[in-house]
C-alpha atoms as a PDB file:
ATOM      1  CA  MET A   1     -21.781  26.597  53.275  1.00  0.00           C
ATOM      2  CA  SER A   2     -23.630  26.449  50.113  1.00  0.00           C
ATOM      3  CA  VAL A   3     -26.001  23.052  49.039  1.00  0.00           C
ATOM      4  CA  ARG A   4     -23.783  21.568  47.068  1.00  0.00           C
ATOM      5  CA  GLN A   5     -20.656  21.481  49.260  1.00  0.00           C
ATOM      6  CA  SER A   6     -23.159  20.543  52.116  1.00  0.00           C
ATOM      7  CA  SER A   7     -23.865  17.271  50.134  1.00  0.00           C
ATOM      8  CA  ASN A   8     -20.550  16.435  48.560  1.00  0.00           C
ATOM      9  CA  THR A   9     -18.572  16.784  52.436  1.00  0.00           C
ATOM     10  CA  ALA A  10     -22.356  14.584  53.443  1.00  0.00           C
ATOM     11  CA  ARG A  11     -21.585  11.744  50.266  1.00  0.00           C
ATOM     12  CA  ALA A  12     -17.873  12.172  51.051  1.00  0.00           C
ATOM     13  CA  ARG A  13     -18.507  11.081  54.632  1.00  0.00           C
ATOM     14  CA  GLY A  14     -20.367   8.366  53.692  1.00  0.00           C
ATOM     15  CA  LEU A  15     -17.251   6.676  51.812  1.00  0.00           C
ATOM     16  CA  THR A  16     -15.412   3.821  53.865  1.00  0.00           C
ATOM     17  CA  HIS A  17     -12.086   2.429  52.827  1.00  0.00           C
ATOM     18  CA  THR A  18     -10.921  -0.909  54.219  1.00  0.00           C
ATOM     19  CA  ARG A  19      -7.423  -1.583  54.344  1.00  0.00           C
ATOM     20  CA  PRO A  20      -6.757  -4.316  52.449  1.00  0.00           C
ATOM     21  CA  ALA A  21      -4.509  -6.298  55.202  1.00  0.00           C
ATOM     22  CA  THR A  22      -8.147  -6.402  57.244  1.00  0.00           C
ATOM     23  CA  VAL A  23      -9.627  -8.238  54.422  1.00  0.00           C
ATOM     24  CA  SER A  24      -9.922 -11.990  54.494  1.00  0.00           C
ATOM     25  CA  LEU A  25      -9.528 -14.025  51.430  1.00  0.00           C
ATOM     26  CA  GLN A  26     -12.855 -15.016  50.895  1.00  0.00           C
ATOM     27  CA  ASP A  27     -14.067 -11.423  50.803  1.00  0.00           C
ATOM     28  CA  ALA A  28     -11.160 -10.482  48.487  1.00  0.00           C
ATOM     29  CA  LEU A  29     -11.983 -13.879  46.368  1.00  0.00           C
ATOM     30  CA  ALA A  30     -15.765 -12.365  46.314  1.00  0.00           C
ATOM     31  CA  ALA A  31     -15.022  -9.103  44.985  1.00  0.00           C
ATOM     32  CA  VAL A  32     -13.133 -10.518  42.212  1.00  0.00           C
ATOM     33  CA  ALA A  33     -15.444 -13.351  41.190  1.00  0.00           C
ATOM     34  CA  ASP A  34     -18.165 -10.727  40.004  1.00  0.00           C
ATOM     35  CA  PRO A  35     -17.483  -9.785  35.813  1.00  0.00           C
ATOM     36  CA  VAL A  36     -18.805  -6.270  35.904  1.00  0.00           C
ATOM     37  CA  ARG A  37     -16.134  -5.902  39.002  1.00  0.00           C
ATOM     38  CA  ARG A  38     -12.819  -7.136  36.677  1.00  0.00           C
ATOM     39  CA  SER A  39     -14.323  -5.098  34.274  1.00  0.00           C
ATOM     40  CA  ILE A  40     -13.791  -2.064  36.898  1.00  0.00           C
ATOM     41  CA  LEU A  41     -10.713  -3.429  37.390  1.00  0.00           C
ATOM     42  CA  ARG A  42      -9.378  -3.599  34.221  1.00  0.00           C
ATOM     43  CA  GLU A  43     -10.225  -0.256  33.025  1.00  0.00           C
ATOM     44  CA  LEU A  44      -8.593   1.251  36.183  1.00  0.00           C
ATOM     45  CA  ALA A  45      -5.726  -0.894  35.887  1.00  0.00           C
ATOM     46  CA  ALA A  46      -5.113   0.987  32.313  1.00  0.00           C
ATOM     47  CA  VAL A  47      -5.389   4.473  33.518  1.00  0.00           C
ATOM     48  CA  PRO A  48      -3.471   6.647  36.009  1.00  0.00           C
ATOM     49  CA  GLU A  49      -4.718   6.917  39.176  1.00  0.00           C
ATOM     50  CA  TRP A  50      -7.788   9.763  40.443  1.00  0.00           C
ATOM     51  CA  THR A  51      -8.400   9.996  36.458  1.00  0.00           C
ATOM     52  CA  LYS A  52     -11.559   7.532  36.392  1.00  0.00           C
ATOM     53  CA  ALA A  53     -14.525   8.678  37.563  1.00  0.00           C
ATOM     54  CA  CYS A  54     -17.472   6.677  38.385  1.00  0.00           C
ATOM     55  CA  GLY A  55     -20.004   7.344  35.527  1.00  0.00           C
ATOM     56  CA  THR A  56     -17.220   6.969  33.247  1.00  0.00           C
ATOM     57  CA  PHE A  57     -16.746   3.278  33.127  1.00  0.00           C
ATOM     58  CA  ASP A  58     -18.690   1.133  30.687  1.00  0.00           C
ATOM     59  CA  LEU A  59     -20.906  -0.893  32.350  1.00  0.00           C
ATOM     60  CA  PRO A  60     -24.285  -2.635  31.708  1.00  0.00           C
ATOM     61  CA  VAL A  61     -25.979  -2.681  34.775  1.00  0.00           C
ATOM     62  CA  ALA A  62     -28.175   0.456  36.372  1.00  0.00           C
ATOM     63  CA  LYS A  63     -26.753   3.233  38.177  1.00  0.00           C
ATOM     64  CA  ALA A  64     -27.579   1.900  41.617  1.00  0.00           C
ATOM     65  CA  THR A  65     -26.233  -1.966  40.709  1.00  0.00           C
ATOM     66  CA  ARG A  66     -22.796   0.175  39.706  1.00  0.00           C
ATOM     67  CA  SER A  67     -22.426   1.533  42.952  1.00  0.00           C
ATOM     68  CA  HIS A  68     -23.293  -1.532  44.790  1.00  0.00           C
ATOM     69  CA  HIS A  69     -19.872  -2.988  42.569  1.00  0.00           C
ATOM     70  CA  PHE A  70     -18.167   0.123  43.735  1.00  0.00           C
ATOM     71  CA  ALA A  71     -18.900  -0.639  47.573  1.00  0.00           C
ATOM     72  CA  VAL A  72     -18.063  -4.460  46.964  1.00  0.00           C
ATOM     73  CA  LEU A  73     -14.897  -2.950  45.435  1.00  0.00           C
ATOM     74  CA  ARG A  74     -14.100  -0.411  48.265  1.00  0.00           C
ATOM     75  CA  ALA A  75     -14.899  -2.908  50.963  1.00  0.00           C
ATOM     76  CA  ALA A  76     -12.181  -5.190  49.748  1.00  0.00           C
ATOM     77  CA  GLY A  77      -9.644  -2.997  49.606  1.00  0.00           C
ATOM     78  CA  LEU A  78      -9.500  -3.109  46.278  1.00  0.00           C
ATOM     79  CA  ILE A  79     -10.397   0.655  45.232  1.00  0.00           C
ATOM     80  CA  GLU A  80      -9.980   4.085  46.887  1.00  0.00           C
ATOM     81  CA  GLN A  81     -12.538   6.840  45.782  1.00  0.00           C
ATOM     82  CA  ARG A  82     -12.627  10.496  46.857  1.00  0.00           C
ATOM     83  CA  ASP A  83     -15.073  13.390  45.460  1.00  0.00           C
ATOM     84  CA  GLU A  84     -13.851  16.142  43.238  1.00  0.00           C
ATOM     85  CA  GLY A  85     -16.465  18.282  42.333  1.00  0.00           C
ATOM     86  CA  PRO A  86     -19.793  16.202  41.429  1.00  0.00           C
ATOM     87  CA  ARG A  87     -17.360  13.481  39.975  1.00  0.00           C
ATOM     88  CA  ARG A  88     -15.947  10.580  42.162  1.00  0.00           C
ATOM     89  CA  LEU A  89     -12.453   9.831  40.906  1.00  0.00           C
ATOM     90  CA  ASN A  90     -11.483   6.264  41.575  1.00  0.00           C
ATOM     91  CA  ARG A  91      -7.820   4.478  42.351  1.00  0.00           C
ATOM     92  CA  LEU A  92      -6.828   0.852  42.161  1.00  0.00           C
ATOM     93  CA  ARG A  93      -4.743  -0.238  45.371  1.00  0.00           C
ATOM     94  CA  ARG A  94      -2.409  -2.557  44.154  1.00  0.00           C
ATOM     95  CA  PRO A  95       0.313  -2.077  46.102  1.00  0.00           C
ATOM     96  CA  GLU A  96      -1.708  -2.304  49.389  1.00  0.00           C
ATOM     97  CA  PHE A  97      -3.596  -4.956  47.962  1.00  0.00           C
ATOM     98  CA  ASP A  98      -0.940  -6.749  46.353  1.00  0.00           C
ATOM     99  CA  ALA A  99       1.304  -6.738  49.471  1.00  0.00           C
ATOM    100  CA  ALA A 100      -1.663  -8.563  51.346  1.00  0.00           C
ATOM    101  CA  PHE A 101      -2.771 -11.026  48.228  1.00  0.00           C
ATOM    102  CA  PRO A 102       0.473 -11.285  46.277  1.00  0.00           C
ATOM    103  CA  GLY A 103      -0.356 -12.247  42.848  1.00  0.00           C
ATOM    104  CA  LEU A 104      -4.280 -12.258  42.981  1.00  0.00           C
ATOM    105  CA  LEU A 105      -4.812  -9.140  41.270  1.00  0.00           C
ATOM    106  CA  ASP A 106      -2.161  -9.666  38.611  1.00  0.00           C
ATOM    107  CA  LEU A 107      -4.061 -12.558  38.020  1.00  0.00           C
ATOM    108  CA  VAL A 108      -7.057 -11.495  37.613  1.00  0.00           C
ATOM    109  CA  LEU A 109      -6.156  -8.423  35.863  1.00  0.00           C
ATOM    110  CA  SER A 110      -4.617 -11.246  33.100  1.00  0.00           C
ATOM    111  CA  HIS A 111      -7.159 -13.150  32.283  1.00  0.00           C
ATOM    112  CA  PRO A 112      -9.485 -11.932  28.956  1.00  0.00           C
ATOM    113  CA  GLY A 113     -12.865 -10.981  29.099  1.00  0.00           C
ATOM    114  CA  PRO A 114     -15.763 -11.445  31.825  1.00  0.00           C
END
């Protein structure tokens, strides 16, 4: 195994995905309360699944802060991520999240601005 493959495998092992059905309402609301995270959700809702890499989001935050926001969204069951080569692709878990919190994501996505 090459160093690059080993690094990508280790990186992918660090990803944890929470099922939306196990998320508390408090955690779901906290995840969507932040304007940067709402921006991420809106961008993901506008593109096909697995087509948006983390580095392609237009966010006004540093890379470490960006990583934190993605981790919060994963922990709340809102997004799923997978590594493809050097890119980390994202998917909005809309059907699963809608089943756990009907109407919440629609409300968040329909709200304009930050």
